[in-house]
Protein backbone atom coordinates (compact mmCIF):
# COMPACT_ATOMS: atom_id res chain seq x y z
CA MET A 1 44.53 -68.95 -19.14
CA THR A 2 42.64 -68.88 -22.66
CA ASP A 3 44.34 -69.54 -25.87
CA GLU A 4 43.88 -66.06 -26.99
CA THR A 5 45.52 -64.64 -23.88
CA GLU A 6 48.45 -67.02 -24.19
CA LYS A 7 49.07 -65.96 -27.83
CA LYS A 8 49.27 -62.37 -26.66
CA LEU A 9 52.09 -63.00 -24.19
CA THR A 10 55.68 -62.85 -25.33
CA TYR A 11 58.10 -65.60 -24.56
CA SER A 12 59.54 -63.57 -21.54
CA ASN A 13 56.14 -62.88 -20.16
CA LYS A 14 55.31 -66.60 -20.28
CA ARG A 15 58.75 -67.52 -18.63
CA GLN A 16 58.02 -64.87 -15.87
CA LEU A 17 54.44 -66.00 -15.24
CA ARG A 18 55.51 -69.69 -15.25
CA ASP A 19 58.40 -68.85 -12.61
CA ASN A 20 56.02 -66.86 -10.53
CA PHE A 21 53.36 -69.56 -10.16
CA ASP A 22 55.34 -72.80 -10.49
CA GLU A 23 58.13 -72.06 -7.83
CA PRO A 24 57.71 -71.16 -4.13
CA SER A 25 58.80 -67.78 -2.99
CA PHE A 26 62.24 -67.39 -1.37
CA PHE A 27 62.54 -65.36 1.78
CA LEU A 28 65.63 -64.36 3.44
CA GLU A 29 66.11 -61.94 6.45
CA PHE A 30 69.42 -61.00 8.02
CA SER A 31 71.47 -58.16 9.45
CA LEU A 32 74.79 -56.71 8.69
CA PRO A 33 76.60 -55.17 11.70
CA ILE A 34 78.04 -52.10 10.04
CA GLU A 35 77.52 -48.40 10.00
CA PRO A 36 75.49 -47.65 6.85
CA VAL A 37 77.41 -45.63 4.21
CA PRO A 38 76.10 -44.14 0.90
CA LYS A 39 77.18 -44.73 -2.47
CA LYS A 40 79.57 -41.94 -3.62
CA ARG A 41 79.59 -40.52 -7.14
CA VAL A 42 82.00 -41.85 -9.50
CA ARG A 43 84.93 -39.23 -10.09
CA VAL A 44 85.73 -38.69 -13.80
CA TYR A 45 89.08 -37.09 -14.96
CA HIS A 46 90.82 -36.70 -18.17
CA ARG A 47 94.58 -37.85 -18.57
CA GLY A 48 96.42 -38.35 -21.81
CA GLY A 49 93.55 -37.49 -23.90
CA LYS A 50 91.37 -40.27 -22.30
CA ILE A 51 88.58 -40.27 -19.94
CA HIS A 52 89.05 -42.33 -16.67
CA GLY A 53 86.59 -43.06 -13.80
CA VAL A 54 87.28 -43.89 -10.28
CA ASN A 55 84.68 -45.57 -8.03
CA PRO A 56 85.28 -44.25 -4.61
CA SER A 57 82.80 -46.72 -2.95
CA LYS A 58 84.79 -49.74 -3.99
CA ASP A 59 86.17 -50.53 -0.63
CA ASP A 60 82.55 -50.05 1.02
CA GLU A 61 81.11 -52.48 -1.61
CA ASP A 62 83.99 -54.94 -0.76
CA VAL A 63 83.16 -54.91 2.99
CA ILE A 64 79.55 -55.54 2.17
CA ARG A 65 80.47 -58.30 -0.15
CA ARG A 66 82.70 -60.00 2.42
CA LEU A 67 79.72 -59.88 5.05
CA LEU A 68 77.25 -61.21 2.32
CA MET A 69 79.42 -64.30 1.63
CA ASN A 70 79.22 -65.30 5.37
CA ILE A 71 75.45 -65.17 5.78
CA GLU A 72 73.52 -68.21 6.54
CA LYS A 73 70.77 -69.43 4.22
CA LYS A 74 71.81 -67.15 1.36
CA PRO A 75 70.73 -68.64 -2.06
CA GLU A 76 73.06 -71.21 -3.50
CA ARG A 77 73.05 -69.27 -6.86
CA PRO A 78 72.16 -65.61 -7.26
CA ILE A 79 68.23 -65.40 -7.75
CA SER A 80 67.06 -64.70 -11.33
CA LYS A 81 63.45 -63.70 -10.70
CA ALA A 82 61.52 -60.65 -9.53
CA ALA A 83 61.99 -59.63 -5.83
CA LEU A 84 61.16 -57.20 -3.32
CA LEU A 85 63.79 -55.85 -1.03
CA GLY A 86 63.23 -54.47 2.56
CA MET A 87 66.08 -52.44 4.15
CA LYS A 88 66.36 -50.58 7.39
CA PHE A 89 69.50 -48.55 7.88
CA TYR A 90 70.12 -48.00 11.48
CA ARG A 91 72.69 -45.15 11.98
CA SER A 92 74.37 -44.14 15.15
CA VAL A 93 72.95 -41.17 16.81
CA PRO A 94 74.91 -38.06 16.22
CA LYS A 95 76.39 -36.15 19.14
CA SER A 96 74.34 -33.18 18.03
CA ILE A 97 71.09 -34.71 19.32
CA ARG A 98 70.24 -33.38 22.79
CA LYS A 99 70.01 -36.02 25.53
CA ARG A 100 66.41 -35.13 26.21
CA ASP A 101 65.66 -36.03 22.54
CA ARG A 102 67.40 -39.27 22.58
CA PRO A 103 64.55 -41.35 23.90
CA PHE A 104 62.55 -40.39 20.72
CA VAL A 105 65.16 -42.18 18.73
CA VAL A 106 63.99 -45.44 20.34
CA THR A 107 60.41 -44.82 19.18
CA GLU A 108 61.58 -43.84 15.75
CA HIS A 109 59.95 -40.54 15.96
CA TYR A 110 63.37 -38.88 15.48
CA ARG A 111 64.69 -39.84 12.09
CA PRO A 112 67.67 -38.81 10.02
CA ILE A 113 66.28 -36.17 7.65
CA LYS A 114 69.82 -34.91 6.55
CA ARG A 115 72.16 -36.23 3.86
CA PRO A 116 73.05 -38.85 2.76
CA ASP A 117 69.90 -39.75 0.75
CA LEU A 118 68.09 -43.15 1.37
CA ASP A 119 68.60 -43.89 -2.36
CA ASN A 120 72.39 -43.69 -2.00
CA TYR A 121 72.32 -46.15 0.92
CA ILE A 122 70.20 -48.62 -1.19
CA LYS A 123 72.23 -48.14 -4.34
CA LEU A 124 75.41 -49.05 -2.49
CA PHE A 125 74.01 -52.29 -1.15
CA LYS A 126 72.30 -53.28 -4.33
CA ASP A 127 75.61 -52.84 -6.22
CA ALA A 128 77.54 -54.97 -3.71
CA ALA A 129 74.95 -57.71 -3.50
CA THR A 130 74.81 -58.18 -7.32
CA GLY A 131 76.30 -61.53 -8.08
CA ILE A 132 75.79 -62.84 -4.57
CA LEU A 133 72.08 -62.40 -3.91
CA TRP A 134 70.74 -61.62 -7.21
CA GLU A 135 71.99 -61.77 -10.84
CA ASP A 136 71.32 -58.09 -11.53
CA ASP A 137 69.72 -55.44 -9.47
CA ASN A 138 67.16 -54.70 -12.16
CA LEU A 139 65.40 -57.79 -10.70
CA ILE A 140 64.46 -55.65 -7.59
CA VAL A 141 60.92 -54.58 -8.63
CA GLY A 142 59.85 -52.82 -5.35
CA TYR A 143 60.59 -52.12 -1.58
CA LEU A 144 58.96 -53.86 1.43
CA PRO A 145 57.28 -51.95 4.19
CA GLY A 146 59.51 -50.31 6.69
CA THR A 147 62.41 -49.54 4.22
CA GLY A 148 64.08 -46.28 5.45
CA LYS A 149 66.73 -44.59 7.40
CA TYR A 150 66.72 -44.73 11.28
CA TYR A 151 68.73 -43.79 14.26
CA THR A 152 69.75 -46.30 17.01
CA LEU A 153 71.18 -46.06 20.47
CA GLU A 154 72.33 -49.50 20.01
CA ASN A 155 74.92 -50.88 17.45
CA ALA A 156 74.70 -49.37 13.84
CA ARG A 157 73.52 -51.96 11.44
CA ILE A 158 71.58 -52.66 8.17
CA GLU A 159 68.56 -55.10 8.46
CA ILE A 160 67.66 -56.80 5.01
CA GLN A 161 64.66 -58.76 3.89
CA LEU A 162 64.50 -60.17 0.38
CA LEU A 163 61.37 -61.84 -0.97
CA THR A 164 61.07 -63.44 -4.48
CA VAL A 165 57.76 -63.36 -6.29
CA GLY A 166 56.39 -66.97 -6.23
CA ARG A 167 53.27 -69.05 -5.74
CA ASP A 168 53.12 -68.30 -1.95
CA PHE A 169 54.30 -64.61 -2.33
CA ASP A 170 51.00 -63.24 -0.77
CA ALA A 171 51.34 -65.31 2.42
CA TYR A 172 54.97 -64.18 2.87
CA TYR A 173 54.01 -60.54 2.13
CA ILE A 174 51.13 -60.46 4.63
CA LYS A 175 53.33 -61.96 7.30
CA ILE A 176 55.91 -59.25 6.61
CA LEU A 177 53.34 -56.49 6.64
CA GLU A 178 51.79 -57.86 9.95
CA GLY A 179 55.13 -57.90 11.55
CA GLU A 180 55.84 -54.28 10.50
CA ILE A 181 52.42 -53.24 12.01
CA ALA A 182 53.12 -54.96 15.21
CA ARG A 183 56.63 -53.22 15.25
CA ILE A 184 55.06 -49.71 14.76
CA ARG A 185 52.37 -50.40 17.39
CA GLU A 186 55.22 -51.43 19.86
CA LEU A 187 56.95 -48.15 19.13
CA HIS A 188 53.75 -46.17 19.85
CA ARG A 189 53.50 -48.00 23.13
CA ASN A 190 57.07 -47.04 23.99
CA LEU A 191 56.15 -43.35 23.09
CA GLU A 192 53.29 -43.28 25.65
CA ASP A 193 55.78 -44.24 28.26
CA PHE A 194 57.42 -40.92 27.79
CA PHE A 195 54.41 -38.88 28.44
């Protein structure tokens, strides 16, 4: 880095660059054995001339927090640097899906396109994980490949991947990307079995 470039960087830029290149990346992968639920809107009401808010998702966040406290290899302290998050929300297959369409669930060609929104699933998890996995959810700067809503014929669950930006970030990212490509190829091979 030239002296002129270094002068242009603010303190926070220098700190972030130093953190990204001095420290190794941190990678965490785990699964939570729960049915995914979305973040619900806060209800606001007036009483006694004051405005009050109720978080209807508090119990759902508490369940996720309890599960997060028991995962192995979680960071000793919440991370405090830029990170990418990968989340796969596997929902139980609704009874409205016909039996002849159920095999397509396995190949992920039949996906949940109705409410709730993917954003609401992610928001609930990010709020619950704040203070446990990361200091604040503004540290999540992007999402890893495969993040989405899926149906499953097995147990409902949430699969999570967390990758911080560090000096070996590219090696981890390539490995994650290759794993996702291999998973998709396997799904397509499964689809060929149905035809």
